[in-house]
Amino acid sequence: MTNHDLHDLTAAYALDALDEDERRAFEEHLGECDDCRAELASLGETAGALALAIESPVPTPALRDRIVSAARAEQPKVVAMRPRRTRVYAAVVVAAAVALAIGLSVGLSGGGGGKKLALTIHPGGIAQLDVSGFDHAPPGKVYEAWVIDGGKPVPAAVFPGGSRTVVVLERPVPRGATVAVTLERLPRAQTPTLPILAKTTAA
């Protein structure tokens, strides 16, 4: 397998769509290719941003399996496509179908449970988040607040959970922006991990 072939496998690797031999070869290549490492990191960040931008719950396993099966059954209408590119194309189609299903489910699930967020914007632009209903974060984890404006999530604060907490956000919250909370590994993350545990919108 040539380096050119290995470059083509980045998207499929990110979607866990490679067989064992391809995965092993790509991981060896990844250790010495800055371009592929950068592209892989970009794909992960984009997926996280997309998922938070649509403020979606995770689909049920049954729903996801039905969508994935349907997407894989749909043959790409591309003439003379190289076999490896065909697999990458199919993997991307599957991912897009799952993302669409997540987006469609937004209006069907309120989520959040007993977790509550109350956002206050003080004079001078300082934003304060009143947090309640969160259990203590598990060992090695922390709750992280994100400001999502224009579809881009930006880390804004961390807190341990437990009793009612007042969190001062490190970022301004523009009108119409969303503030969301996820559970992340300590000390904090730069890209959010689903699911969203609670969210609110700046009036």
Protein backbone atom coordinates (compact mmCIF):
# COMPACT_ATOMS: atom_id res chain seq x y z
CA MET A 1 0.00 0.00 0.00
CA THR A 2 1.48 3.36 -1.05
CA ASN A 3 1.57 6.56 1.00
CA HIS A 4 -1.02 8.00 -1.39
CA ASP A 5 -3.36 5.11 -0.59
CA LEU A 6 -2.79 5.60 3.14
CA HIS A 7 -3.61 9.32 2.92
CA ASP A 8 -7.01 8.33 1.49
CA LEU A 9 -7.86 6.30 4.59
CA THR A 10 -8.01 9.16 7.10
CA ALA A 11 -11.78 9.67 7.01
CA ALA A 12 -12.48 5.94 7.11
CA TYR A 13 -10.12 5.55 10.09
CA ALA A 14 -11.90 8.37 11.94
CA LEU A 15 -15.19 6.54 11.38
CA ASP A 16 -13.73 3.15 12.41
CA ALA A 17 -14.48 1.77 8.93
CA LEU A 18 -11.13 0.02 8.20
CA ASP A 19 -10.37 -3.67 8.37
CA GLU A 20 -7.63 -4.88 10.72
CA ASP A 21 -4.80 -4.81 8.15
CA GLU A 22 -5.72 -1.35 6.89
CA ARG A 23 -6.05 0.00 10.41
CA ARG A 24 -2.61 -1.35 11.40
CA ALA A 25 -0.97 0.06 8.26
CA PHE A 26 -2.64 3.44 8.71
CA GLU A 27 -1.63 3.70 12.37
CA GLU A 28 2.01 3.01 11.44
CA HIS A 29 1.75 5.70 8.76
CA LEU A 30 0.06 8.08 11.21
CA GLY A 31 3.11 8.03 13.44
CA GLU A 32 5.22 9.68 10.73
CA CYS A 33 2.72 11.81 8.78
CA ASP A 34 1.94 15.29 10.16
CA ASP A 35 -0.68 15.93 7.46
CA CYS A 36 -2.75 12.87 8.35
CA ARG A 37 -2.53 13.61 12.09
CA ALA A 38 -3.75 17.16 11.47
CA GLU A 39 -6.59 15.96 9.24
CA LEU A 40 -7.63 13.33 11.79
CA ALA A 41 -7.72 15.94 14.57
CA SER A 42 -9.78 18.25 12.34
CA LEU A 43 -12.30 15.50 11.60
CA GLY A 44 -12.76 14.84 15.32
CA GLU A 45 -13.26 18.52 16.13
CA THR A 46 -15.73 18.96 13.27
CA ALA A 47 -17.81 16.01 14.43
CA GLY A 48 -17.97 17.38 17.97
CA ALA A 49 -18.87 20.86 16.79
CA LEU A 50 -21.59 19.56 14.46
CA ALA A 51 -23.15 17.45 17.16
CA LEU A 52 -23.25 20.37 19.61
CA ALA A 53 -24.41 22.86 17.01
CA ILE A 54 -27.63 20.89 16.52
CA GLU A 55 -27.96 20.34 20.31
CA SER A 56 -28.91 16.73 19.88
CA PRO A 57 -29.38 13.62 22.01
CA VAL A 58 -27.64 10.40 21.07
CA PRO A 59 -29.90 8.19 18.89
CA THR A 60 -31.06 4.88 20.31
CA PRO A 61 -29.00 1.85 19.21
CA ALA A 62 -31.98 0.49 17.25
CA LEU A 63 -32.45 3.77 15.36
CA ARG A 64 -28.74 4.07 14.59
CA ASP A 65 -28.57 0.44 13.34
CA ARG A 66 -31.51 1.00 10.98
CA ILE A 67 -29.98 4.17 9.53
CA VAL A 68 -26.53 2.66 9.14
CA SER A 69 -27.96 -0.40 7.37
CA ALA A 70 -29.97 1.78 4.99
CA ALA A 71 -27.01 4.03 4.23
CA ARG A 72 -24.70 1.09 3.53
CA ALA A 73 -27.28 -0.42 1.20
CA GLU A 74 -27.33 2.78 -0.87
CA GLN A 75 -24.64 2.44 -3.56
CA PRO A 76 -22.65 5.60 -4.36
CA LYS A 77 -23.43 6.82 -7.89
CA VAL A 78 -19.84 7.51 -8.90
CA VAL A 79 -18.26 6.01 -12.02
CA ALA A 80 -14.72 4.56 -11.94
CA MET A 81 -14.13 5.35 -8.28
CA ARG A 82 -11.12 3.61 -6.75
CA PRO A 83 -12.11 0.82 -4.29
CA ARG A 84 -10.59 2.50 -1.23
CA ARG A 85 -12.21 5.83 -2.09
CA THR A 86 -15.52 4.00 -2.43
CA ARG A 87 -15.19 2.69 1.13
CA VAL A 88 -14.33 6.16 2.40
CA TYR A 89 -17.31 7.62 0.52
CA ALA A 90 -19.61 4.98 2.00
CA ALA A 91 -18.29 5.64 5.51
CA VAL A 92 -18.94 9.36 5.13
CA VAL A 93 -22.47 8.66 3.83
CA VAL A 94 -23.14 6.53 6.91
CA ALA A 95 -21.87 9.26 9.23
CA ALA A 96 -23.96 11.90 7.45
CA ALA A 97 -27.08 9.74 7.72
CA VAL A 98 -26.58 9.25 11.45
CA ALA A 99 -26.01 12.99 11.93
CA LEU A 100 -29.24 13.70 10.05
CA ALA A 101 -31.15 11.29 12.26
CA ILE A 102 -29.75 12.96 15.36
CA GLY A 103 -30.84 16.35 14.05
CA LEU A 104 -34.35 15.11 13.32
CA SER A 105 -34.66 13.74 16.84
CA VAL A 106 -34.01 17.11 18.53
CA GLY A 107 -37.66 18.09 18.60
CA LEU A 108 -38.67 14.70 20.00
CA SER A 109 -36.53 14.70 23.15
CA GLY A 110 -36.42 17.31 25.88
CA GLY A 111 -33.53 15.64 27.74
CA GLY A 112 -31.87 17.17 30.77
CA GLY A 113 -33.69 15.23 33.53
CA GLY A 114 -33.51 17.21 36.78
CA LYS A 115 -30.46 19.17 35.69
CA LYS A 116 -31.09 22.91 35.43
CA LEU A 117 -29.15 25.91 34.15
CA ALA A 118 -30.04 29.55 34.75
CA LEU A 119 -27.98 32.09 32.82
CA THR A 120 -27.49 35.69 34.00
CA ILE A 121 -25.63 38.34 32.01
CA HIS A 122 -24.33 41.09 34.30
CA PRO A 123 -23.44 44.66 33.24
CA GLY A 124 -20.06 44.61 31.57
CA GLY A 125 -20.81 41.32 29.81
CA ILE A 126 -19.89 38.94 32.65
CA ALA A 127 -21.98 35.76 32.36
CA GLN A 128 -22.97 33.70 35.37
CA LEU A 129 -24.45 30.20 35.27
CA ASP A 130 -26.58 28.95 38.15
CA VAL A 131 -26.28 25.13 38.05
CA SER A 132 -28.43 22.65 39.98
CA GLY A 133 -29.42 18.98 39.82
CA PHE A 134 -25.96 17.65 38.87
CA ASP A 135 -24.45 14.75 40.81
CA HIS A 136 -20.79 14.94 41.79
CA ALA A 137 -18.68 14.24 38.71
CA PRO A 138 -17.18 10.71 38.69
CA PRO A 139 -13.47 10.32 39.60
CA GLY A 140 -11.26 11.66 36.82
CA LYS A 141 -14.14 13.64 35.28
CA VAL A 142 -15.42 17.21 35.47
CA TYR A 143 -18.46 19.04 34.14
CA GLU A 144 -17.59 21.58 31.46
CA ALA A 145 -19.68 24.51 30.21
CA TRP A 146 -19.51 25.55 26.56
CA VAL A 147 -20.64 28.71 24.78
CA ILE A 148 -21.99 27.79 21.33
CA ASP A 149 -22.30 30.72 18.95
CA GLY A 150 -22.65 30.27 15.18
CA GLY A 151 -22.36 26.50 15.57
CA LYS A 152 -18.90 26.67 17.20
CA PRO A 153 -18.52 25.40 20.79
CA VAL A 154 -15.93 27.21 22.93
CA PRO A 155 -14.92 26.02 26.44
CA ALA A 156 -16.12 28.46 29.09
CA ALA A 157 -15.76 26.91 32.58
CA VAL A 158 -15.53 23.71 34.58
CA PHE A 159 -17.24 22.71 37.82
CA PRO A 160 -17.37 19.54 39.99
CA GLY A 161 -21.15 19.18 40.37
CA GLY A 162 -22.83 18.28 43.62
CA SER A 163 -24.95 20.90 45.34
CA ARG A 164 -26.22 24.02 43.64
CA THR A 165 -23.27 25.88 42.09
CA VAL A 166 -22.77 29.37 40.65
CA VAL A 167 -20.24 29.30 37.80
CA VAL A 168 -18.74 32.47 36.34
CA LEU A 169 -18.10 31.85 32.64
CA GLU A 170 -14.74 32.72 31.13
CA ARG A 171 -16.32 33.72 27.80
CA PRO A 172 -18.93 36.33 26.86
CA VAL A 173 -22.31 34.92 25.83
CA PRO A 174 -23.82 36.79 22.85
CA ARG A 175 -27.59 37.13 22.54
CA GLY A 176 -29.03 33.96 21.01
CA ALA A 177 -25.97 31.84 21.86
CA THR A 178 -26.37 28.52 23.67
CA VAL A 179 -24.64 27.51 26.88
CA ALA A 180 -24.35 23.72 27.20
CA VAL A 181 -22.82 21.36 29.76
CA THR A 182 -21.03 18.06 29.08
CA LEU A 183 -19.03 15.61 31.18
CA GLU A 184 -15.32 15.59 30.32
CA ARG A 185 -12.04 14.11 31.51
CA LEU A 186 -9.98 16.17 33.94
CA PRO A 187 -8.64 18.79 33.79
CA ARG A 188 -10.85 19.96 30.86
CA ALA A 189 -11.43 19.42 27.14
CA GLN A 190 -11.07 21.63 24.08
CA THR A 191 -13.62 19.61 22.08
CA PRO A 192 -16.95 18.59 23.69
CA THR A 193 -18.00 15.00 24.27
CA LEU A 194 -21.64 13.98 23.84
CA PRO A 195 -24.19 13.76 25.29
CA ILE A 196 -25.22 17.29 26.26
CA LEU A 197 -26.44 17.08 29.84
CA ALA A 198 -28.22 20.44 29.96
CA LYS A 199 -28.44 23.61 27.89
CA THR A 200 -29.93 27.09 27.90
CA THR A 201 -30.05 30.02 25.46
CA ALA A 202 -29.11 33.64 26.11
CA ALA A 203 -32.18 35.84 25.70
